Amino acid sequence: MKRSLCAGVAVLALMGGQAGARDLKFAPGEDARLNWDSFEAFRQDLSGQELTILGPWLGPDKDLVESVIAYFEAATGAKVNYSGSDSFEQQIVIDAQAGSPPDIAVFPQPGLLRDLASKGFVVPLGDETAKWVAENYAAGQSWVDLATFPGKDGTPGLYGFFYKADLKSLVWYVPENFEDAGYEAPKTMEELKALSQQIVDDGGTPWCIGLGSGGATGWPATDWVEDMMLRTTTPENYDRWVSNDLKFDDPIVVNAIEEYGAFARNDAWVAGGAGGVASTDFRDSPKGLFASPPACYMHRQASFIPSFFPEGTVIGQDADFFYFPAYAGKDLGQPVLGAGTVFGMMKDSPAARAFIQFLETPIAHEVWMAQKGFLTPHKGVNPEAYGDETLKKMGDILLNATTFRFDASDLMPGPIGAGAFWTGMVDYSGGKDAAAVAAEIQKTWDTLK
């Protein structure tokens, strides 16, 4: 949509009075993909105010987030100092306990934010922000629930604003291989299982799966189980599982583990047979897609996995993906598993409040969308702003989600989510009974209480 020239002139006039303002990546009013009206409508005078933000983004990501921050500065006259840290999780705790936190902190996942909120180190964002997220994010209530925690006095409140999502519910494939064999991307879990068997009947192998990851071996299987939990039971049960109100050895959880096993423990369905799953490095496992003839036709993995595809692979041509589908026969909508960063307000101030409000604007998302490495569930953005078709397609999956849930293992206590769950899935993939594995994980969890 073409934006009005007067809006761009007004913004440029405001910017002209700001000595030392950051350069803007896109000149206001020039790129028609971006919602300059939202930028114009957000303008307010915060001249002389400063805002400190601490987050995990360094290198190119630091440059990208600062390119977004520049528009907040241009619209308000405030000065923002962003600092990135590769030890963010330790630094934010030290700063909070010392009484010198940043105004805003960017948490890589909500577990630490929850902990700091329970100790009174984070300021609740308020009901209006919660209402806005519920109404303006796809699967909005999911995002509200993910950032709603009890405060120091036990009263629940919204303590975080999710911004920049990651997507895990994806199946990767080579379009040429599908075309040659006459296969089509399935739309339902029933179709996915039928396709898997069809590939076997045709003399092929449907899946490549690898769990190897050094000291973190097993984590890819936890993602499978999490996706299966969302496709076989309610989001409420998923949440109860994360908190251990639904025990790990409950039949609901055991069933989800066995749903993963229907793929990973079927010798005919997995390249190298079921016995090779645990010993295959996850970084090597997608290589079978590109063998000739194909060693496998499908690989379930998150949006980052193209980093391990053969050099020169063009996404959308040499490789592509589809949504890891839900069951048509279960009334569970279109769930999506993923992750994301979440902004928490550590010190209340007009500038901090304004920055959270800025994150509600389409422009705060579209500036990063138009570059690289950014996904958003914001329903008000222009999908055409995405920098490439791959991100746009992933964005469509997010926007069509009816439920979004964070990676469960990242939310569970470390000895479970980064310990017993990983090793248990290696044991199960190697042939151990699902119920026995689940009971052992639960036994470990019981020792934490």
Protein backbone atom coordinates (compact mmCIF):
# COMPACT_ATOMS: atom_id res chain seq x y z
CA MET A 1 0.00 0.00 0.00
CA LYS A 2 1.37 3.41 -0.91
CA ARG A 3 1.82 5.64 2.14
CA SER A 4 1.16 9.35 2.14
CA LEU A 5 4.02 11.71 1.40
CA CYS A 6 3.00 14.03 4.23
CA ALA A 7 3.50 11.27 6.81
CA GLY A 8 7.03 10.71 5.57
CA VAL A 9 7.75 14.44 5.61
CA ALA A 10 6.48 14.72 9.20
CA VAL A 11 8.69 11.89 10.35
CA LEU A 12 11.71 13.27 8.57
CA ALA A 13 11.07 16.63 10.19
CA LEU A 14 11.05 15.01 13.61
CA MET A 15 14.26 13.16 12.83
CA GLY A 16 15.91 16.33 11.68
CA GLY A 17 15.78 17.74 15.20
CA GLN A 18 17.60 14.77 16.73
CA ALA A 19 21.31 15.17 16.83
CA GLY A 20 23.15 11.87 16.56
CA ALA A 21 20.07 9.76 15.80
CA ARG A 22 20.82 6.33 14.34
CA ASP A 23 20.56 5.91 10.60
CA LEU A 24 17.28 4.33 9.53
CA LYS A 25 17.51 1.20 7.39
CA PHE A 26 14.49 2.23 5.32
CA ALA A 27 13.68 5.88 4.73
CA PRO A 28 10.17 6.61 6.05
CA GLY A 29 7.58 6.52 3.32
CA GLU A 30 9.82 4.97 0.66
CA ASP A 31 9.31 1.20 1.04
CA ALA A 32 5.63 0.59 0.33
CA ARG A 33 5.73 -2.82 2.05
CA LEU A 34 6.17 -1.19 5.46
CA ASN A 35 3.38 0.29 7.54
CA TRP A 36 4.53 3.89 7.83
CA ASP A 37 1.10 4.92 9.14
CA SER A 38 1.79 2.91 12.31
CA PHE A 39 5.12 4.69 12.69
CA GLU A 40 3.46 8.08 12.27
CA ALA A 41 0.67 7.23 14.71
CA PHE A 42 3.15 6.11 17.38
CA ARG A 43 5.13 9.39 17.46
CA GLN A 44 5.47 11.02 20.89
CA ASP A 45 7.93 13.29 22.63
CA LEU A 46 10.31 11.53 24.99
CA SER A 47 13.23 13.86 24.30
CA GLY A 48 15.94 13.68 26.95
CA GLN A 49 14.89 10.26 28.24
CA GLU A 50 17.22 7.29 28.07
CA LEU A 51 16.44 3.58 27.99
CA THR A 52 18.76 0.65 28.63
CA ILE A 53 18.08 -2.78 27.09
CA LEU A 54 20.05 -5.96 27.77
CA GLY A 55 19.60 -8.98 25.54
CA PRO A 56 21.24 -12.08 24.06
CA TRP A 57 21.72 -10.69 20.54
CA LEU A 58 25.29 -10.15 19.38
CA GLY A 59 26.98 -9.71 16.00
CA PRO A 60 24.59 -9.51 13.04
CA ASP A 61 21.54 -9.94 15.32
CA LYS A 62 22.68 -6.97 17.39
CA ASP A 63 22.82 -4.88 14.22
CA LEU A 64 19.32 -6.06 13.29
CA VAL A 65 17.68 -5.27 16.62
CA GLU A 66 19.42 -1.89 16.66
CA SER A 67 17.99 -1.19 13.22
CA VAL A 68 14.54 -1.59 14.81
CA ILE A 69 15.43 0.45 17.89
CA ALA A 70 16.44 3.29 15.58
CA TYR A 71 12.78 3.78 14.62
CA PHE A 72 11.75 4.04 18.27
CA GLU A 73 14.40 6.70 18.77
CA ALA A 74 13.30 8.55 15.63
CA ALA A 75 9.65 8.49 16.70
CA THR A 76 10.24 9.63 20.28
CA GLY A 77 13.54 11.48 20.61
CA ALA A 78 14.57 9.07 23.38
CA LYS A 79 18.05 7.54 23.43
CA VAL A 80 18.30 3.74 23.70
CA ASN A 81 21.42 1.89 24.77
CA TYR A 82 21.27 -1.79 23.79
CA SER A 83 23.87 -4.22 25.14
CA GLY A 84 24.19 -7.82 23.99
CA SER A 85 25.71 -10.55 26.14
CA ASP A 86 26.67 -14.15 25.44
CA SER A 87 26.16 -14.81 29.16
CA PHE A 88 22.81 -13.03 29.35
CA GLU A 89 21.22 -15.60 31.69
CA GLN A 90 23.90 -15.07 34.32
CA GLN A 91 24.26 -11.31 33.80
CA ILE A 92 20.58 -10.44 34.19
CA VAL A 93 20.37 -12.34 37.48
CA ILE A 94 23.50 -10.59 38.82
CA ASP A 95 22.20 -7.17 37.75
CA ALA A 96 18.73 -7.77 39.20
CA GLN A 97 20.06 -8.96 42.55
CA ALA A 98 22.48 -6.03 42.71
CA GLY A 99 19.64 -3.56 42.15
CA SER A 100 21.05 -2.34 38.85
CA PRO A 101 19.01 -4.07 36.13
CA PRO A 102 18.44 -2.62 32.67
CA ASP A 103 15.13 -0.92 32.02
CA ILE A 104 14.18 -3.79 29.68
CA ALA A 105 15.63 -7.27 29.30
CA VAL A 106 15.22 -9.60 26.32
CA PHE A 107 14.91 -13.20 27.53
CA PRO A 108 15.70 -16.09 25.13
CA GLN A 109 12.91 -18.13 26.75
CA PRO A 110 10.31 -17.46 29.46
CA GLY A 111 11.62 -19.73 32.24
CA LEU A 112 14.14 -17.24 33.64
CA LEU A 113 11.64 -14.39 33.23
CA ARG A 114 9.15 -16.38 35.31
CA ASP A 115 11.75 -16.91 38.03
CA LEU A 116 12.71 -13.24 38.23
CA ALA A 117 9.05 -12.16 38.19
CA SER A 118 8.32 -14.44 41.17
CA LYS A 119 11.06 -12.62 43.09
CA GLY A 120 9.71 -9.17 42.29
CA PHE A 121 12.42 -8.18 39.82
CA VAL A 122 10.09 -7.66 36.84
CA VAL A 123 7.25 -5.16 36.36
CA PRO A 124 3.87 -6.47 35.13
CA LEU A 125 2.85 -5.04 31.75
CA GLY A 126 -0.84 -4.76 32.60
CA ASP A 127 -4.20 -5.99 31.38
CA GLU A 128 -4.31 -3.68 28.36
CA THR A 129 -1.13 -5.20 26.93
CA ALA A 130 -2.46 -8.70 27.59
CA LYS A 131 -5.68 -7.81 25.80
CA TRP A 132 -3.75 -6.39 22.86
CA VAL A 133 -1.63 -9.54 22.47
CA ALA A 134 -4.68 -11.80 22.72
CA GLU A 135 -6.44 -9.86 19.97
CA ASN A 136 -3.55 -9.07 17.64
CA TYR A 137 -1.30 -12.14 17.69
CA ALA A 138 -2.30 -15.35 15.93
CA ALA A 139 -3.11 -17.90 18.66
CA GLY A 140 -2.96 -14.78 20.82
CA GLN A 141 -4.09 -16.31 24.09
CA SER A 142 -1.24 -18.82 23.79
CA TRP A 143 1.28 -15.97 23.79
CA VAL A 144 -0.46 -14.32 26.74
CA ASP A 145 -0.46 -17.55 28.72
CA LEU A 146 3.23 -18.17 27.98
CA ALA A 147 4.19 -14.86 29.58
CA THR A 148 1.67 -14.77 32.45
CA PHE A 149 3.20 -15.71 35.81
CA PRO A 150 2.59 -15.20 39.53
CA GLY A 151 4.39 -12.15 40.87
CA LYS A 152 6.12 -11.89 44.24
CA ASP A 153 2.74 -11.59 45.99
CA GLY A 154 1.36 -14.57 44.07
CA THR A 155 -0.93 -12.50 41.84
CA PRO A 156 -0.72 -13.59 38.18
CA GLY A 157 0.15 -10.96 35.61
CA LEU A 158 1.56 -10.53 32.12
CA TYR A 159 5.30 -10.10 32.57
CA GLY A 160 6.55 -10.48 29.03
CA PHE A 161 5.97 -9.39 25.45
CA PHE A 162 7.01 -12.01 22.90
CA TYR A 163 8.86 -10.65 19.87
CA LYS A 164 10.73 -12.67 17.22
CA ALA A 165 9.47 -16.24 17.06
CA ASP A 166 11.11 -19.47 15.93
CA LEU A 167 9.29 -22.36 14.28
CA LYS A 168 9.83 -26.07 14.93
CA SER A 169 6.80 -27.85 13.46
CA LEU A 170 8.32 -28.33 10.00
CA VAL A 171 9.02 -31.25 7.66
CA TRP A 172 11.77 -30.74 5.07
CA TYR A 173 11.87 -32.44 1.68
CA VAL A 174 13.36 -32.15 -1.82
CA PRO A 175 10.62 -31.03 -4.28
CA GLU A 176 12.31 -32.79 -7.22
CA ASN A 177 12.23 -36.11 -5.35
CA PHE A 178 8.54 -35.68 -4.55
CA GLU A 179 7.77 -34.71 -8.14
CA ASP A 180 9.66 -37.64 -9.62
CA ALA A 181 7.82 -40.08 -7.36
CA GLY A 182 4.43 -38.40 -7.73
CA TYR A 183 4.13 -37.47 -4.05
CA GLU A 184 2.38 -34.40 -2.63
CA ALA A 185 2.92 -32.65 0.68
CA PRO A 186 0.36 -34.07 3.13
CA LYS A 187 -2.18 -31.84 4.87
CA THR A 188 -3.04 -34.10 7.81
CA MET A 189 -1.22 -36.52 10.10
CA GLU A 190 -3.27 -39.34 8.63
CA GLU A 191 -2.00 -38.39 5.16
CA LEU A 192 1.57 -38.10 6.45
CA LYS A 193 1.50 -41.63 7.83
CA ALA A 194 -0.11 -42.92 4.63
CA LEU A 195 2.59 -41.20 2.55
CA SER A 196 5.29 -42.74 4.73
CA GLN A 197 3.93 -46.21 4.05
CA GLN A 198 3.47 -45.46 0.36
CA ILE A 199 7.15 -44.54 0.08
CA VAL A 200 8.05 -47.88 1.67
CA ASP A 201 5.70 -49.72 -0.69
CA ASP A 202 7.43 -47.97 -3.58
CA GLY A 203 10.82 -49.23 -2.41
CA GLY A 204 12.02 -46.06 -0.68
CA THR A 205 12.64 -44.89 2.90
CA PRO A 206 10.45 -42.03 4.14
CA TRP A 207 12.44 -40.54 7.05
CA CYS A 208 15.89 -39.46 8.15
CA ILE A 209 16.14 -39.01 11.92
CA GLY A 210 19.25 -38.31 13.99
CA LEU A 211 19.53 -37.65 17.73
CA GLY A 212 23.28 -37.20 18.09
CA SER A 213 24.41 -33.85 19.51
CA GLY A 214 27.43 -34.47 21.75
CA GLY A 215 26.50 -33.88 25.37
CA ALA A 216 22.99 -32.86 24.29
CA THR A 217 22.26 -36.09 22.39
CA GLY A 218 18.57 -36.87 22.43
CA TRP A 219 17.10 -33.39 22.16
CA PRO A 220 15.71 -33.83 18.59
CA ALA A 221 13.49 -36.62 19.90
CA THR A 222 12.11 -34.35 22.63
CA ASP A 223 10.93 -31.99 19.88
CA TRP A 224 9.15 -34.90 18.19
CA VAL A 225 7.41 -35.86 21.43
CA GLU A 226 6.42 -32.25 22.12
CA ASP A 227 4.89 -31.94 18.66
CA MET A 228 3.06 -35.23 19.22
CA MET A 229 1.73 -34.02 22.59
CA LEU A 230 0.19 -31.03 20.81
CA ARG A 231 -1.37 -33.32 18.20
CA THR A 232 -2.78 -35.97 20.54
CA THR A 233 -3.96 -34.04 23.61
CA THR A 234 -5.10 -30.56 24.63
CA PRO A 235 -2.89 -27.49 25.09
CA GLU A 236 -3.98 -27.51 28.74
CA ASN A 237 -2.55 -31.01 29.17
CA TYR A 238 0.66 -29.87 27.48
CA ASP A 239 0.95 -27.09 30.05
CA ARG A 240 0.22 -29.51 32.90
CA TRP A 241 2.96 -31.77 31.55
CA VAL A 242 5.46 -28.91 31.52
CA SER A 243 4.69 -28.15 35.18
CA ASN A 244 4.52 -31.88 36.09
CA ASP A 245 0.91 -31.63 37.18
CA LEU A 246 0.48 -34.22 34.43
CA LYS A 247 3.09 -36.81 35.34
CA PHE A 248 5.62 -37.98 32.79
CA ASP A 249 4.43 -41.55 33.14
CA ASP A 250 0.78 -40.65 32.55
CA PRO A 251 -0.72 -42.64 29.66
CA ILE A 252 -1.25 -39.37 27.75
CA VAL A 253 2.50 -38.70 27.72
CA VAL A 254 3.41 -42.33 27.07
CA ASN A 255 1.09 -42.25 24.06
CA ALA A 256 2.89 -39.18 22.65
CA ILE A 257 6.24 -40.95 23.07
CA GLU A 258 4.87 -43.95 21.20
CA GLU A 259 3.54 -41.66 18.44
CA TYR A 260 7.15 -40.59 17.92
CA GLY A 261 8.15 -44.24 18.02
CA ALA A 262 5.72 -45.07 15.22
CA PHE A 263 8.15 -43.16 12.99
CA ALA A 264 11.54 -43.59 14.67
CA ARG A 265 11.28 -47.24 15.75
CA ASN A 266 10.02 -48.58 12.44
CA ASP A 267 13.03 -50.05 10.61
CA ALA A 268 11.33 -49.67 7.25
CA TRP A 269 10.55 -46.00 7.83
CA VAL A 270 13.98 -44.72 8.90
CA ALA A 271 17.19 -44.48 6.90
CA GLY A 272 19.70 -46.85 8.49
CA GLY A 273 16.96 -48.58 10.46
CA ALA A 274 15.70 -47.74 13.92
CA GLY A 275 19.02 -48.81 15.43
CA GLY A 276 20.81 -45.94 13.72
CA VAL A 277 18.60 -43.13 14.98
CA ALA A 278 20.37 -42.47 18.28
CA SER A 279 23.87 -42.73 16.79
CA THR A 280 23.27 -40.44 13.80
CA ASP A 281 24.29 -36.83 14.39
CA PHE A 282 21.36 -34.44 13.90
CA ARG A 283 23.56 -32.25 11.70
CA ASP A 284 24.23 -35.17 9.36
CA SER A 285 20.72 -36.62 9.35
CA PRO A 286 19.22 -34.36 6.64
CA LYS A 287 21.95 -35.25 4.16
CA GLY A 288 19.97 -38.31 3.07
CA LEU A 289 17.44 -35.99 1.43
CA PHE A 290 20.06 -34.95 -1.10
CA ALA A 291 21.54 -38.38 -1.92
CA SER A 292 20.96 -39.96 -5.32
CA PRO A 293 18.84 -42.01 -5.12
CA PRO A 294 17.32 -40.41 -1.99
CA ALA A 295 18.25 -42.14 1.26
CA CYS A 296 15.07 -40.60 2.67
CA TYR A 297 12.28 -38.29 1.54
CA MET A 298 11.42 -36.33 4.69
CA HIS A 299 13.14 -34.83 7.72
CA ARG A 300 11.32 -33.20 10.65
CA GLN A 301 13.36 -30.35 12.11
CA ALA A 302 13.18 -26.68 13.06
CA SER A 303 13.70 -23.66 10.83
CA PHE A 304 17.46 -23.55 11.46
CA ILE A 305 18.29 -26.90 9.81
CA PRO A 306 19.11 -25.49 6.32
CA SER A 307 22.41 -24.39 7.89
CA PHE A 308 23.40 -28.05 7.60
CA PHE A 309 22.16 -28.62 4.06
CA PRO A 310 24.74 -28.97 1.28
CA GLU A 311 26.43 -25.73 0.35
CA GLY A 312 24.51 -23.81 -2.29
CA THR A 313 21.12 -25.37 -1.48
CA VAL A 314 18.37 -22.93 -2.45
CA ILE A 315 15.34 -23.12 -0.18
CA GLY A 316 12.14 -23.19 -2.20
CA GLN A 317 13.91 -24.87 -5.11
CA ASP A 318 16.44 -27.50 -4.01
CA ALA A 319 14.68 -28.06 -0.68
CA ASP A 320 11.38 -26.99 0.79
CA PHE A 321 9.19 -27.64 3.82
CA PHE A 322 5.60 -28.15 4.91
CA TYR A 323 3.79 -27.85 8.22
CA PHE A 324 4.09 -30.95 10.42
CA PRO A 325 0.37 -31.63 10.25
CA ALA A 326 -2.30 -32.22 12.86
CA TYR A 327 -4.72 -35.14 12.92
CA ALA A 328 -7.90 -34.50 10.97
CA GLY A 329 -9.68 -36.91 13.29
CA LYS A 330 -8.88 -34.97 16.47
CA ASP A 331 -10.39 -31.60 17.36
CA LEU A 332 -7.10 -29.91 18.25
CA GLY A 333 -6.83 -27.23 15.56
CA GLN A 334 -3.47 -26.33 14.02
CA PRO A 335 -0.90 -26.40 16.85
CA VAL A 336 2.61 -25.06 16.35
CA LEU A 337 5.70 -25.82 18.43
CA GLY A 338 8.36 -23.19 18.58
CA ALA A 339 10.34 -20.75 20.64
CA GLY A 340 10.88 -17.03 20.83
CA THR A 341 12.41 -14.11 22.66
CA VAL A 342 10.38 -12.20 25.24
CA PHE A 343 10.82 -8.61 26.45
CA GLY A 344 10.43 -8.01 30.19
CA MET A 345 10.30 -4.60 31.88
CA MET A 346 12.74 -4.50 34.80
CA LYS A 347 12.25 -0.83 35.68
CA ASP A 348 9.07 1.15 35.13
CA SER A 349 9.42 4.44 33.26
CA PRO A 350 7.58 6.36 30.54
CA ALA A 351 10.28 5.36 28.04
CA ALA A 352 10.08 1.66 29.00
CA ARG A 353 6.28 1.67 28.75
CA ALA A 354 6.50 3.42 25.40
CA PHE A 355 8.96 0.85 24.09
CA ILE A 356 6.59 -2.01 24.92
CA GLN A 357 3.85 -0.07 23.11
CA PHE A 358 6.23 0.37 20.17
CA LEU A 359 6.51 -3.43 19.92
CA GLU A 360 2.77 -3.47 19.22
CA THR A 361 3.21 -1.48 16.01
CA PRO A 362 3.56 -3.26 12.66
CA ILE A 363 6.62 -1.16 11.83
CA ALA A 364 8.54 -2.60 14.81
CA HIS A 365 8.17 -6.04 13.23
CA GLU A 366 8.32 -5.18 9.54
CA VAL A 367 11.72 -3.46 9.74
CA TRP A 368 13.33 -6.72 10.89
CA MET A 369 11.06 -8.83 8.66
CA ALA A 370 12.32 -6.96 5.62
CA GLN A 371 15.89 -7.98 6.42
CA LYS A 372 16.47 -11.57 7.59
CA GLY A 373 15.97 -14.11 10.35
CA PHE A 374 12.69 -12.84 11.79
CA LEU A 375 9.24 -14.39 12.22
CA THR A 376 6.24 -12.85 13.92
CA PRO A 377 2.69 -13.89 14.87
CA HIS A 378 1.53 -10.24 14.57
CA LYS A 379 -1.65 -10.34 12.46
CA GLY A 380 -1.34 -6.67 11.51
CA VAL A 381 1.92 -6.86 9.60
CA ASN A 382 2.20 -7.00 5.84
CA PRO A 383 3.39 -10.54 4.90
CA GLU A 384 4.94 -9.05 1.76
CA ALA A 385 7.47 -7.32 4.03
CA TYR A 386 9.34 -10.58 4.60
CA GLY A 387 12.80 -10.49 3.08
CA ASP A 388 12.38 -13.83 1.30
CA GLU A 389 9.70 -16.36 0.38
CA THR A 390 10.93 -18.93 2.90
CA LEU A 391 10.31 -16.59 5.84
CA LYS A 392 6.98 -15.57 4.37
CA LYS A 393 5.89 -19.21 4.13
CA MET A 394 6.97 -19.84 7.73
CA GLY A 395 5.16 -16.69 8.75
CA ASP A 396 1.99 -18.06 7.16
CA ILE A 397 2.28 -21.17 9.33
CA LEU A 398 2.53 -18.99 12.43
CA LEU A 399 -0.44 -16.86 11.36
CA ASN A 400 -2.57 -19.96 10.76
CA ALA A 401 -1.74 -21.49 14.14
CA THR A 402 -4.61 -21.96 16.55
CA THR A 403 -2.25 -22.91 19.39
CA PHE A 404 1.39 -22.00 19.96
CA ARG A 405 3.47 -23.69 22.60
CA PHE A 406 7.06 -23.20 23.63
CA ASP A 407 9.54 -26.05 23.54
CA ALA A 408 8.61 -28.04 26.68
CA SER A 409 12.12 -29.25 27.47
CA ASP A 410 13.29 -25.62 27.66
CA LEU A 411 10.60 -24.89 30.25
CA MET A 412 11.14 -27.97 32.41
CA PRO A 413 13.75 -28.04 35.20
CA GLY A 414 17.26 -28.47 33.81
CA PRO A 415 17.78 -32.00 35.19
CA ILE A 416 14.66 -33.04 33.25
CA GLY A 417 14.50 -30.92 30.09
CA ALA A 418 18.27 -30.97 29.52
CA GLY A 419 18.92 -34.31 31.21
CA ALA A 420 16.55 -37.17 31.88
CA PHE A 421 14.24 -36.32 28.96
CA TRP A 422 17.17 -36.36 26.51
CA THR A 423 18.67 -39.61 27.78
CA GLY A 424 15.25 -41.22 28.10
CA MET A 425 14.51 -40.57 24.45
CA VAL A 426 17.84 -42.13 23.47
CA ASP A 427 16.91 -45.21 25.51
CA TYR A 428 13.44 -45.35 23.98
CA SER A 429 14.75 -44.89 20.44
CA GLY A 430 17.11 -47.79 21.12
CA GLY A 431 14.25 -50.13 21.99
CA LYS A 432 13.36 -49.57 25.64
CA ASP A 433 9.68 -49.63 26.58
CA ALA A 434 7.99 -46.20 26.52
CA ALA A 435 6.24 -46.65 29.85
CA ALA A 436 9.47 -47.72 31.53
CA VAL A 437 11.35 -44.74 30.11
CA ALA A 438 8.60 -42.34 31.19
CA ALA A 439 8.60 -43.83 34.69
CA GLU A 440 12.35 -43.28 35.00
CA ILE A 441 12.03 -39.65 33.90
CA GLN A 442 9.24 -39.12 36.43
CA LYS A 443 11.36 -40.75 39.14
CA THR A 444 14.10 -38.19 38.44
CA TRP A 445 11.56 -35.38 38.58
CA ASP A 446 10.29 -36.63 41.95
CA THR A 447 13.79 -36.29 43.39
CA LEU A 448 13.72 -32.54 42.65
CA LYS A 449 10.89 -31.87 45.07
